[in-house]
Amino acid sequence: MKVTVKDCLELPVFQKAVLIAGNQGLDNRVTAVSFFEAGSLSNHMADFHKKNELVLTASFFDVLGEEAQIQTVRSLADHGEAALILLAPETKLESMPRRVLALANELKLPMLVVPPEPTTTYSDIVNEVMEKVLYGDNFANRLISNTIFHLLNFEKHSNFQSAAREAAINNNFQMVILSEDFNPIFSVETRHRTTIAEAIREGIERDVDKSAVYTRIDINGALTYWGPVTINGEKHYMFIVDNEDSYSPGEITKLAEILEIAMGMWKYSPVKDAKAEFIKALRRGNKSLAYCLKDEAMSEGAEILSVFCITGVERDDSLKKITSFEKRTGYEVLKIHEGDEIFGMILKRDHTKSRVSCTELYQELPLGQGAMIFHVTGLDGMEGCSDAFQLINEAWPFIQYIFPHMNVFTKYELALASNCINISIKSDTVKKNYMDLIAPFKTSKEGKSKQLLETLEIFVLDAGMNTSKTAKLMNIHTNTVQYRLKRIREILQADMMGTSIIPGLTVALAVERIEKITRML
């Protein structure tokens, strides 16, 4: 079968390739792949190259001058090479001499630039091109035909799961289907070189969700191929394990396509993601459903250490940080994502002996502008877990108005915010008692009473009663803060450093901030 440069450009590995010259030579035949090193010009061409080769080079721009580039293009064309593939950033195109491009067009030698990609290596290019050259579209039918035979044996099997298991066992591969949150929902395991959890962590670190084609990852000797798959219109991920390295990447890709088609023919609907449904049930306060899902979602003997909600973070970076945290500590993190929000919990397995605080995860997550983390750590079983999510749900809308300079909120800030929201809503004597604590600022005839109240709010709620931090947040001198605090003590007629004063004053100031926002709505 004749394979041309144009045929090769349809391969996934050349998905981002840019044709910069030699468009009329796209019908040049390709029979092999070779490499060009600086210095191997016309006098050595016959020794190192054969006709009709796809020639790869990474030194064309950096090592060769304009005259040497012209000589190289002419030598390759005269020797009958198929195309020249330049492995270099697209920014290098700006420095490409026009004479070189004009010569390539004249000699009908296609020149392509392939920008560097973490998932694309020299071996990937060689493998895909040579597979196309050697097999074309006729793959080694032992895998494809045998898989089809088992997958579509409607007389023997009652569902896709049964057919997939027999196909995997007879053809020496494994498969795992994951939800969009990377939780396993169906698997066929025939070997145990590594765990599914370990494989998922490696997949997340390698950004398999960003690849449009199947990505190969070696995990403890297990060759896995990852890619997206659509089931009933919903995005999932699937990875296939080649148990004995028996198949080429092209065959595995073809196998994945056949498995996806078979799912449609069987009208396969994945079971609900138990881990995701478990978290959703707890967030909704549906404790009975959560208890039903607990055994599926959690390993036996696991203990819930913390629950969290994260918003406004970059999903992929956060998942990588979570994966790294799991590998380092031995904790398991159950998680789901909705838009730019991630919800989940940290579990301590029965055998985990890590002494690392689970709260370290919240310090490691990348927090940009507008990002917030809510977490409740130190829980009393499933009941406490559900109550923690309810606490987060209640406090979420107003907590940033109470603490505008914070982005990580613990159960202490959440509890204060929840109580203050309830006090603000009820408008009863409890609210009046708290608001009376700061009433002197509103009834005072002093012209700067509003300024003093603002200083008090920042001093108590934002600065941890630290005058230097208060000055920094207000962009004023420390002496000014100290003077204002002296006036505040005179107005309140109380020592603010007294242990009995601060709790009530903190609630009153928090309620006042909520009231300001509600008046603006």
Protein backbone atom coordinates (compact mmCIF):
# COMPACT_ATOMS: atom_id res chain seq x y z
CA MET A 1 0.00 0.00 0.00
CA LYS A 2 1.39 3.41 -0.97
CA VAL A 3 1.57 5.90 1.91
CA THR A 4 2.11 9.59 1.12
CA VAL A 5 3.13 12.61 3.15
CA LYS A 6 -0.51 13.71 3.04
CA ASP A 7 -1.56 10.37 4.58
CA CYS A 8 0.98 10.82 7.38
CA LEU A 9 -0.32 14.30 8.19
CA GLU A 10 -3.64 12.73 9.16
CA LEU A 11 -1.96 10.83 12.00
CA PRO A 12 -2.67 12.10 15.55
CA VAL A 13 1.01 12.78 16.18
CA PHE A 14 0.95 15.45 13.43
CA GLN A 15 -2.28 17.03 14.63
CA LYS A 16 -0.58 20.37 15.40
CA ALA A 17 1.96 20.27 12.56
CA VAL A 18 2.23 23.38 10.36
CA LEU A 19 3.06 23.04 6.65
CA ILE A 20 5.38 25.95 5.81
CA ALA A 21 6.58 24.99 2.31
CA GLY A 22 6.46 22.34 -0.41
CA ASN A 23 2.69 21.98 -0.63
CA GLN A 24 2.98 20.46 -4.12
CA GLY A 25 5.01 17.56 -2.71
CA LEU A 26 2.35 16.19 -0.37
CA ASP A 27 1.89 13.22 -2.70
CA ASN A 28 5.52 12.17 -2.18
CA ARG A 29 5.72 8.54 -1.12
CA VAL A 30 6.86 7.64 2.43
CA THR A 31 8.57 4.30 3.06
CA ALA A 32 10.56 4.98 6.25
CA VAL A 33 11.51 7.51 8.93
CA SER A 34 15.02 8.88 9.40
CA PHE A 35 16.91 11.56 11.31
CA PHE A 36 19.05 14.42 10.07
CA GLU A 37 22.01 15.61 12.13
CA ALA A 38 23.82 18.85 11.40
CA GLY A 39 26.81 18.07 9.23
CA SER A 40 25.37 15.09 7.33
CA LEU A 41 24.99 17.00 4.07
CA SER A 42 25.22 15.92 0.44
CA ASN A 43 28.53 14.11 0.69
CA HIS A 44 27.15 11.80 3.39
CA MET A 45 23.53 11.63 2.26
CA ALA A 46 23.80 8.28 0.48
CA ASP A 47 25.52 6.71 3.49
CA PHE A 48 22.84 7.56 6.04
CA HIS A 49 19.59 8.01 4.12
CA LYS A 50 17.40 6.07 1.71
CA LYS A 51 14.94 7.43 -0.80
CA ASN A 52 11.36 8.33 0.25
CA GLU A 53 12.16 8.90 3.93
CA LEU A 54 10.36 11.26 6.28
CA VAL A 55 13.37 13.10 7.73
CA LEU A 56 13.17 14.44 11.30
CA THR A 57 15.48 17.13 12.67
CA ALA A 58 15.64 19.31 15.77
CA SER A 59 18.88 21.11 14.89
CA PHE A 60 17.83 22.80 11.65
CA PHE A 61 17.18 26.24 13.17
CA ASP A 62 19.70 26.33 15.99
CA VAL A 63 22.81 24.90 14.30
CA LEU A 64 22.57 25.66 10.59
CA GLY A 65 23.01 29.06 9.00
CA GLU A 66 21.02 30.18 5.96
CA GLU A 67 23.44 28.77 3.39
CA ALA A 68 23.67 25.45 5.22
CA GLN A 69 19.85 25.29 5.40
CA ILE A 70 19.64 25.84 1.64
CA GLN A 71 22.24 23.14 1.03
CA THR A 72 20.35 20.72 3.30
CA VAL A 73 17.01 21.27 1.54
CA ARG A 74 18.63 20.82 -1.87
CA SER A 75 20.47 17.65 -0.79
CA LEU A 76 17.33 16.07 0.65
CA ALA A 77 15.29 16.88 -2.46
CA ASP A 78 18.02 15.64 -4.82
CA HIS A 79 18.21 12.38 -2.87
CA GLY A 80 14.45 11.87 -3.23
CA GLU A 81 13.40 12.30 0.40
CA ALA A 82 9.66 12.56 1.09
CA ALA A 83 9.58 15.52 3.51
CA LEU A 84 11.54 17.43 6.14
CA ILE A 85 9.96 17.56 9.62
CA LEU A 86 11.30 20.35 11.82
CA LEU A 87 10.82 19.72 15.55
CA ALA A 88 10.80 23.28 16.88
CA PRO A 89 8.51 25.93 18.40
CA GLU A 90 6.34 27.86 15.95
CA THR A 91 8.14 31.04 17.04
CA LYS A 92 11.15 29.83 15.06
CA LEU A 93 9.17 30.36 11.85
CA GLU A 94 9.73 34.10 12.11
CA SER A 95 13.46 33.60 11.55
CA MET A 96 13.06 31.17 8.62
CA PRO A 97 14.85 32.67 5.56
CA ARG A 98 12.53 33.24 2.58
CA ARG A 99 15.14 31.74 0.25
CA VAL A 100 14.88 28.41 2.08
CA LEU A 101 11.09 28.33 1.78
CA ALA A 102 11.22 29.36 -1.87
CA LEU A 103 13.68 26.55 -2.63
CA ALA A 104 11.52 23.96 -0.86
CA ASN A 105 8.52 25.09 -2.91
CA GLU A 106 10.56 24.94 -6.10
CA LEU A 107 11.87 21.43 -5.35
CA LYS A 108 8.46 20.24 -4.06
CA LEU A 109 9.94 19.14 -0.72
CA PRO A 110 7.30 19.50 2.02
CA MET A 111 8.62 21.24 5.14
CA LEU A 112 6.59 20.94 8.33
CA VAL A 113 7.06 22.35 11.81
CA VAL A 114 5.92 20.17 14.74
CA PRO A 115 5.80 22.21 17.97
CA PRO A 116 7.08 20.44 21.11
CA GLU A 117 4.41 18.62 23.13
CA PRO A 118 4.93 16.79 26.46
CA THR A 119 2.93 13.85 25.10
CA THR A 120 4.73 13.67 21.72
CA THR A 121 8.20 12.13 21.49
CA TYR A 122 10.48 10.99 18.67
CA SER A 123 9.38 7.41 19.28
CA ASP A 124 5.71 8.39 18.97
CA ILE A 125 6.34 9.89 15.53
CA VAL A 126 8.39 6.90 14.38
CA ASN A 127 5.84 4.38 15.71
CA GLU A 128 2.81 6.02 14.12
CA VAL A 129 4.42 6.65 10.74
CA MET A 130 5.93 3.16 10.49
CA GLU A 131 2.67 1.56 11.58
CA LYS A 132 0.93 3.45 8.79
CA VAL A 133 3.63 2.40 6.31
CA LEU A 134 3.70 -1.27 7.34
CA TYR A 135 0.03 -1.93 8.02
CA GLY A 136 -1.97 0.93 6.58
CA ASP A 137 -5.52 0.37 7.73
CA ASN A 138 -5.05 -3.39 7.93
CA PHE A 139 -4.22 -3.91 11.59
CA ALA A 140 -3.16 -7.25 13.06
CA ASN A 141 -6.57 -8.81 12.94
CA ARG A 142 -5.96 -11.25 15.79
CA LEU A 143 -6.92 -8.52 18.29
CA ILE A 144 -9.61 -6.71 16.32
CA SER A 145 -11.48 -9.71 14.91
CA ASN A 146 -11.32 -11.69 18.15
CA THR A 147 -12.55 -8.71 20.15
CA ILE A 148 -15.44 -8.11 17.76
CA PHE A 149 -16.35 -11.81 17.92
CA HIS A 150 -16.77 -11.69 21.69
CA LEU A 151 -18.17 -8.17 21.98
CA LEU A 152 -20.97 -8.78 19.50
CA ASN A 153 -21.89 -12.32 20.55
CA PHE A 154 -25.47 -11.41 21.42
CA GLU A 155 -26.51 -15.06 21.74
CA LYS A 156 -24.01 -15.86 24.47
CA HIS A 157 -23.95 -12.63 26.46
CA SER A 158 -26.77 -10.70 28.05
CA ASN A 159 -25.00 -7.35 28.40
CA PHE A 160 -21.93 -5.36 27.40
CA GLN A 161 -20.15 -5.99 30.70
CA SER A 162 -20.17 -9.77 30.20
CA ALA A 163 -19.05 -9.50 26.57
CA ALA A 164 -16.25 -7.07 27.44
CA ARG A 165 -14.94 -9.36 30.19
CA GLU A 166 -14.69 -12.34 27.83
CA ALA A 167 -13.09 -10.23 25.09
CA ALA A 168 -10.49 -8.93 27.55
CA ILE A 169 -9.68 -12.35 29.00
CA ASN A 170 -9.30 -13.97 25.57
CA ASN A 171 -7.19 -11.15 24.12
CA ASN A 172 -5.01 -10.43 27.14
CA PHE A 173 -6.02 -6.85 27.86
CA GLN A 174 -7.77 -5.00 30.66
CA MET A 175 -10.09 -2.01 30.59
CA VAL A 176 -11.38 0.56 33.06
CA ILE A 177 -14.10 3.15 32.42
CA LEU A 178 -13.96 6.30 34.56
CA SER A 179 -16.44 9.08 35.18
CA GLU A 180 -15.52 12.65 34.29
CA ASP A 181 -14.34 13.00 37.91
CA PHE A 182 -11.92 10.08 37.37
CA ASN A 183 -13.91 7.69 39.55
CA PRO A 184 -14.00 4.07 38.25
CA ILE A 185 -17.48 2.88 37.25
CA PHE A 186 -16.65 -0.32 35.32
CA SER A 187 -13.51 -2.42 35.10
CA VAL A 188 -12.24 -5.71 33.73
CA GLU A 189 -9.07 -6.70 35.61
CA THR A 190 -7.08 -9.78 34.61
CA ARG A 191 -3.71 -8.81 36.14
CA HIS A 192 -2.71 -6.94 39.29
CA ARG A 193 0.63 -5.24 38.65
CA THR A 194 -0.76 -1.99 40.00
CA THR A 195 -3.99 -0.67 41.48
CA ILE A 196 -6.66 1.30 39.66
CA ALA A 197 -6.18 4.13 42.17
CA GLU A 198 -2.46 4.33 41.39
CA ALA A 199 -3.17 4.27 37.65
CA ILE A 200 -5.71 7.10 38.01
CA ARG A 201 -3.22 9.24 39.91
CA GLU A 202 -0.63 8.75 37.17
CA GLY A 203 -3.23 9.57 34.50
CA ILE A 204 -4.19 12.84 36.20
CA GLU A 205 -0.53 13.86 36.51
CA ARG A 206 -0.02 13.20 32.78
CA ASP A 207 -3.01 15.40 31.78
CA VAL A 208 -4.80 12.58 29.97
CA ASP A 209 -7.99 14.64 30.03
CA LYS A 210 -6.38 17.16 27.67
CA SER A 211 -5.41 14.63 25.01
CA ALA A 212 -7.72 14.00 22.07
CA VAL A 213 -5.93 10.74 21.24
CA TYR A 214 -4.87 7.77 23.33
CA THR A 215 -1.88 8.45 25.58
CA ARG A 216 0.46 5.64 26.57
CA ILE A 217 1.65 5.51 30.21
CA ASP A 218 3.85 2.82 31.76
CA ILE A 219 2.69 2.31 35.36
CA ASN A 220 4.87 -0.11 37.31
CA GLY A 221 5.35 -2.23 34.21
CA ALA A 222 1.70 -2.10 33.15
CA LEU A 223 1.30 -0.46 29.72
CA THR A 224 -1.84 1.68 29.83
CA TYR A 225 -3.48 3.66 27.02
CA TRP A 226 -5.77 6.54 28.03
CA GLY A 227 -8.37 8.44 26.06
CA PRO A 228 -11.81 10.08 26.16
CA VAL A 229 -14.97 8.12 25.40
CA THR A 230 -18.57 9.31 25.04
CA ILE A 231 -21.31 7.14 26.55
CA ASN A 232 -24.95 8.18 26.18
CA GLY A 233 -23.81 11.69 25.31
CA GLU A 234 -21.74 12.06 28.49
CA LYS A 235 -17.98 12.38 28.66
CA HIS A 236 -16.04 9.57 30.31
CA TYR A 237 -12.47 8.32 30.24
CA MET A 238 -11.24 4.83 29.44
CA PHE A 239 -7.86 3.26 29.84
CA ILE A 240 -6.82 -0.05 28.32
CA VAL A 241 -3.98 -2.17 29.68
CA ASP A 242 -1.88 -4.21 27.24
CA ASN A 243 -0.88 -7.07 29.57
CA GLU A 244 2.07 -8.40 27.57
CA ASP A 245 2.93 -5.45 25.29
CA SER A 246 1.40 -7.49 22.47
CA TYR A 247 -0.22 -4.69 20.50
CA SER A 248 0.79 -1.48 18.77
CA PRO A 249 -0.61 1.95 19.77
CA GLY A 250 -2.64 1.92 16.56
CA GLU A 251 -4.24 -1.40 17.43
CA ILE A 252 -5.11 -0.20 20.92
CA THR A 253 -6.68 2.95 19.47
CA LYS A 254 -8.71 0.81 17.07
CA LEU A 255 -9.69 -1.44 19.98
CA ALA A 256 -10.93 1.58 21.93
CA GLU A 257 -13.06 2.68 18.98
CA ILE A 258 -14.57 -0.81 18.72
CA LEU A 259 -15.32 -0.88 22.46
CA GLU A 260 -17.08 2.48 22.18
CA ILE A 261 -19.16 1.27 19.21
CA ALA A 262 -20.04 -1.92 21.09
CA MET A 263 -21.28 0.12 24.06
CA GLY A 264 -23.72 1.84 21.74
CA MET A 265 -24.88 -1.42 20.15
CA TRP A 266 -25.46 -2.98 23.57
CA LYS A 267 -27.16 0.26 24.71
CA TYR A 268 -24.78 0.20 27.65
CA SER A 269 -25.51 2.68 30.43
CA PRO A 270 -22.82 2.96 33.10
CA VAL A 271 -23.89 2.51 36.68
CA LYS A 272 -24.03 5.68 38.70
CA ASP A 273 -20.69 6.91 39.99
CA ALA A 274 -21.07 5.72 43.59
CA LYS A 275 -18.43 8.09 44.95
CA ALA A 276 -19.97 11.10 43.24
CA GLU A 277 -23.50 10.16 44.33
CA PHE A 278 -22.24 9.60 47.89
CA ILE A 279 -20.78 13.12 48.06
CA LYS A 280 -23.89 14.64 46.46
CA ALA A 281 -26.16 12.86 48.96
CA LEU A 282 -24.17 14.24 51.90
CA ARG A 283 -24.22 17.74 50.39
CA ARG A 284 -28.01 17.56 50.04
CA GLY A 285 -28.37 16.23 53.59
CA ASN A 286 -29.82 12.94 52.32
CA LYS A 287 -28.25 10.82 55.04
CA SER A 288 -30.25 7.67 54.31
CA LEU A 289 -29.02 7.56 50.69
CA ALA A 290 -25.48 8.30 51.85
CA TYR A 291 -25.59 5.34 54.23
CA CYS A 292 -26.74 3.11 51.35
CA LEU A 293 -23.82 4.24 49.16
CA LYS A 294 -21.17 4.22 51.88
CA ASP A 295 -19.90 0.66 51.29
CA GLU A 296 -19.49 1.30 47.55
CA ALA A 297 -17.88 4.70 47.93
CA MET A 298 -15.55 4.07 50.86
CA SER A 299 -13.14 1.25 51.55
CA GLU A 300 -13.85 -0.84 54.63
CA GLY A 301 -12.59 0.74 57.83
CA ALA A 302 -11.96 4.15 56.25
CA GLU A 303 -12.48 7.22 58.42
CA ILE A 304 -13.66 10.62 57.15
CA LEU A 305 -11.18 13.23 58.36
CA SER A 306 -12.37 16.34 56.56
CA VAL A 307 -14.91 17.60 54.02
CA PHE A 308 -14.27 20.49 51.68
CA CYS A 309 -15.68 22.73 48.97
CA ILE A 310 -13.33 24.62 46.65
CA THR A 311 -14.44 27.30 44.23
CA GLY A 312 -12.70 29.50 41.68
CA VAL A 313 -9.65 27.27 41.26
CA GLU A 314 -8.09 25.83 38.11
CA ARG A 315 -9.43 22.26 37.96
CA ASP A 316 -6.45 20.49 36.42
CA ASP A 317 -3.86 22.09 38.70
CA SER A 318 -6.00 21.31 41.74
CA LEU A 319 -6.45 17.66 40.73
CA LYS A 320 -2.68 17.32 40.33
CA LYS A 321 -2.11 18.78 43.80
CA ILE A 322 -4.71 16.42 45.26
CA THR A 323 -3.07 13.47 43.51
CA SER A 324 0.36 14.46 44.82
CA PHE A 325 -1.08 14.79 48.33
CA GLU A 326 -2.59 11.29 48.12
CA LYS A 327 0.70 9.74 47.01
CA ARG A 328 2.68 11.52 49.72
CA THR A 329 0.36 10.87 52.66
CA GLY A 330 -1.52 7.67 51.84
CA TYR A 331 -4.84 9.44 52.40
CA GLU A 332 -7.64 9.00 49.86
CA VAL A 333 -9.50 12.02 48.51
CA LEU A 334 -13.01 11.49 47.15
CA LYS A 335 -13.97 14.35 44.88
CA ILE A 336 -16.37 15.60 42.23
CA HIS A 337 -16.29 18.78 40.19
CA GLU A 338 -19.09 20.97 38.89
CA GLY A 339 -17.97 23.92 36.77
CA ASP A 340 -15.17 25.66 38.66
CA GLU A 341 -16.14 24.05 41.97
CA ILE A 342 -14.68 20.90 43.55
CA PHE A 343 -16.39 19.10 46.44
CA GLY A 344 -15.08 16.15 48.38
CA MET A 345 -13.66 14.61 51.51
CA ILE A 346 -10.37 13.26 52.82
CA LEU A 347 -10.39 9.65 54.03
CA LYS A 348 -7.91 7.82 56.20
CA ARG A 349 -7.81 4.16 55.24
CA ASP A 350 -7.65 1.51 57.93
CA HIS A 351 -3.99 0.74 57.13
CA THR A 352 -2.82 4.36 56.71
CA LYS A 353 -0.29 5.40 59.35
CA SER A 354 0.46 8.90 58.07
CA ARG A 355 0.92 11.59 60.70
CA VAL A 356 0.57 14.40 58.18
CA SER A 357 -2.31 16.75 58.95
CA CYS A 358 -5.01 16.48 56.31
CA THR A 359 -5.31 20.28 56.36
CA GLU A 360 -1.94 20.51 54.55
CA LEU A 361 -3.86 19.85 51.33
CA TYR A 362 -5.71 23.16 51.68
CA GLN A 363 -2.43 25.05 52.07
CA GLU A 364 -0.97 23.41 48.95
CA LEU A 365 -3.81 24.13 46.52
CA PRO A 366 -3.14 26.97 44.04
CA LEU A 367 -5.36 29.92 44.97
CA GLY A 368 -5.80 32.72 42.47
CA GLN A 369 -7.97 35.79 42.70
CA GLY A 370 -11.53 34.90 43.70
CA ALA A 371 -10.63 31.36 44.81
CA MET A 372 -12.03 30.10 48.11
CA ILE A 373 -11.67 26.92 50.16
CA PHE A 374 -14.20 25.85 52.79
CA HIS A 375 -13.32 22.89 54.97
CA VAL A 376 -14.54 21.27 58.16
CA THR A 377 -11.98 19.02 59.81
CA GLY A 378 -12.54 16.83 62.86
CA LEU A 379 -15.84 15.09 62.16
CA ASP A 380 -18.13 12.75 64.05
CA GLY A 381 -18.93 10.05 61.50
CA MET A 382 -21.47 10.31 58.69
CA GLU A 383 -23.81 12.56 60.66
CA GLY A 384 -21.02 15.04 61.28
CA CYS A 385 -19.99 14.87 57.63
CA SER A 386 -23.49 15.74 56.42
CA ASP A 387 -23.81 18.53 59.00
CA ALA A 388 -20.46 19.93 57.85
CA PHE A 389 -21.65 20.19 54.25
CA GLN A 390 -24.83 21.88 55.46
CA LEU A 391 -22.74 24.35 57.44
CA ILE A 392 -20.72 25.17 54.33
CA ASN A 393 -23.89 25.56 52.23
CA GLU A 394 -25.40 27.97 54.77
CA ALA A 395 -22.33 30.14 55.29
CA TRP A 396 -21.06 30.20 51.69
CA PRO A 397 -23.14 33.16 50.36
CA PHE A 398 -22.10 35.70 53.04
CA ILE A 399 -18.86 34.51 54.59
CA GLN A 400 -16.62 36.48 52.24
CA TYR A 401 -18.46 39.67 53.17
CA ILE A 402 -17.64 38.96 56.82
CA PHE A 403 -14.01 38.02 56.10
CA PRO A 404 -13.14 39.78 52.80
CA HIS A 405 -9.39 39.25 53.21
CA MET A 406 -9.53 35.47 53.68
CA ASN A 407 -9.77 32.68 51.11
CA VAL A 408 -9.45 29.58 53.32
CA PHE A 409 -12.32 29.15 55.79
CA THR A 410 -12.35 26.58 58.62
CA LYS A 411 -15.26 25.37 60.73
CA TYR A 412 -14.64 28.26 63.13
CA GLU A 413 -15.24 30.98 60.53
CA LEU A 414 -18.08 28.94 59.04
CA ALA A 415 -19.81 28.50 62.41
CA LEU A 416 -19.52 32.22 63.16
CA ALA A 417 -20.85 33.15 59.71
CA SER A 418 -23.77 30.72 59.95
CA ASN A 419 -24.82 32.02 63.36
CA CYS A 420 -24.51 35.64 62.25
CA ILE A 421 -26.62 34.99 59.15
CA ASN A 422 -29.35 33.45 61.32
CA ILE A 423 -29.20 36.40 63.73
CA SER A 424 -29.42 38.88 60.85
CA ILE A 425 -32.42 37.11 59.29
CA LYS A 426 -34.52 36.74 62.45
CA SER A 427 -34.48 40.42 63.52
CA ASP A 428 -35.47 39.57 67.10
CA THR A 429 -34.22 40.61 70.52
CA VAL A 430 -31.05 38.56 70.07
CA LYS A 431 -30.11 40.66 67.06
CA LYS A 432 -31.00 43.86 68.94
CA ASN A 433 -28.79 42.86 71.89
CA TYR A 434 -25.79 42.41 69.60
CA MET A 435 -26.38 45.55 67.56
CA ASP A 436 -26.68 47.57 70.77
CA LEU A 437 -23.03 46.73 71.46
CA ILE A 438 -21.92 48.92 68.55
CA ALA A 439 -24.82 51.39 68.75
CA PRO A 440 -22.63 54.07 70.42
CA PHE A 441 -20.83 54.54 67.08
CA LYS A 442 -24.14 55.26 65.35
CA THR A 443 -25.47 57.63 68.01
CA SER A 444 -22.16 59.37 68.67
CA LYS A 445 -21.98 62.99 67.59
CA GLU A 446 -18.32 62.54 66.75
CA GLY A 447 -17.82 63.18 63.04
CA LYS A 448 -15.45 60.29 62.56
CA SER A 449 -17.57 57.60 64.23
CA LYS A 450 -18.05 55.77 60.91
CA GLN A 451 -14.28 55.71 60.43
CA LEU A 452 -13.79 54.38 63.96
CA LEU A 453 -16.35 51.61 63.39
CA GLU A 454 -14.54 50.57 60.19
CA THR A 455 -11.24 50.48 62.07
CA LEU A 456 -12.80 48.32 64.78
CA GLU A 457 -14.22 45.89 62.18
CA ILE A 458 -10.85 45.43 60.50
CA PHE A 459 -9.00 45.20 63.83
CA VAL A 460 -11.28 42.44 65.16
CA LEU A 461 -12.42 40.51 62.07
CA ASP A 462 -9.53 40.87 59.61
CA ALA A 463 -6.33 41.63 61.51
CA GLY A 464 -6.64 39.27 64.46
CA MET A 465 -6.48 42.26 66.83
CA ASN A 466 -3.02 43.15 65.54
CA THR A 467 -2.40 46.88 65.17
CA SER A 468 0.38 46.50 62.57
CA LYS A 469 -1.77 44.30 60.36
CA THR A 470 -4.70 46.69 60.78
CA ALA A 471 -2.51 49.58 59.65
CA LYS A 472 -1.35 47.61 56.62
CA LEU A 473 -4.90 46.65 55.60
CA MET A 474 -6.12 50.23 55.97
CA ASN A 475 -2.95 51.72 54.45
CA ILE A 476 -2.44 54.05 57.42
CA HIS A 477 0.27 54.47 60.07
CA THR A 478 0.33 52.24 63.15
CA ASN A 479 0.18 55.29 65.42
CA THR A 480 -3.07 56.30 63.71
CA VAL A 481 -4.54 52.87 64.47
CA GLN A 482 -3.48 53.11 68.11
CA TYR A 483 -5.05 56.56 68.43
CA ARG A 484 -8.32 55.33 66.91
CA LEU A 485 -8.37 52.29 69.22
CA LYS A 486 -7.98 54.64 72.18
CA ARG A 487 -11.01 56.63 71.01
CA ILE A 488 -12.94 53.37 70.43
CA ARG A 489 -12.28 52.26 74.02
CA GLU A 490 -13.56 55.61 75.25
CA ILE A 491 -16.74 55.33 73.19
CA LEU A 492 -17.43 51.71 74.19
CA GLN A 493 -16.31 52.34 77.77
CA ALA A 494 -14.74 48.88 77.79
CA ASP A 495 -11.33 47.27 77.50
CA MET A 496 -11.39 45.46 74.15
CA MET A 497 -8.63 43.11 75.25
CA GLY A 498 -10.88 41.64 77.92
CA THR A 499 -11.85 38.03 77.26
CA SER A 500 -15.53 38.68 77.96
CA ILE A 501 -15.76 41.59 75.53
CA ILE A 502 -14.45 40.16 72.26
CA PRO A 503 -16.94 37.27 71.61
CA GLY A 504 -20.00 39.52 71.62
CA LEU A 505 -18.21 42.30 69.78
CA THR A 506 -17.06 39.88 67.06
CA VAL A 507 -20.62 38.69 66.43
CA ALA A 508 -21.96 42.26 66.42
CA LEU A 509 -19.37 43.42 63.87
CA ALA A 510 -19.97 40.37 61.65
CA VAL A 511 -23.74 40.96 61.71
CA GLU A 512 -23.10 44.63 60.88
CA ARG A 513 -21.16 43.62 57.75
CA ILE A 514 -24.01 41.33 56.67
CA GLU A 515 -26.49 44.15 57.26
CA LYS A 516 -24.46 46.48 55.03
CA ILE A 517 -24.63 43.99 52.18
CA THR A 518 -28.35 43.28 52.57
CA ARG A 519 -29.08 47.01 52.54
CA MET A 520 -27.28 47.27 49.20
CA LEU A 521 -29.23 44.38 47.62
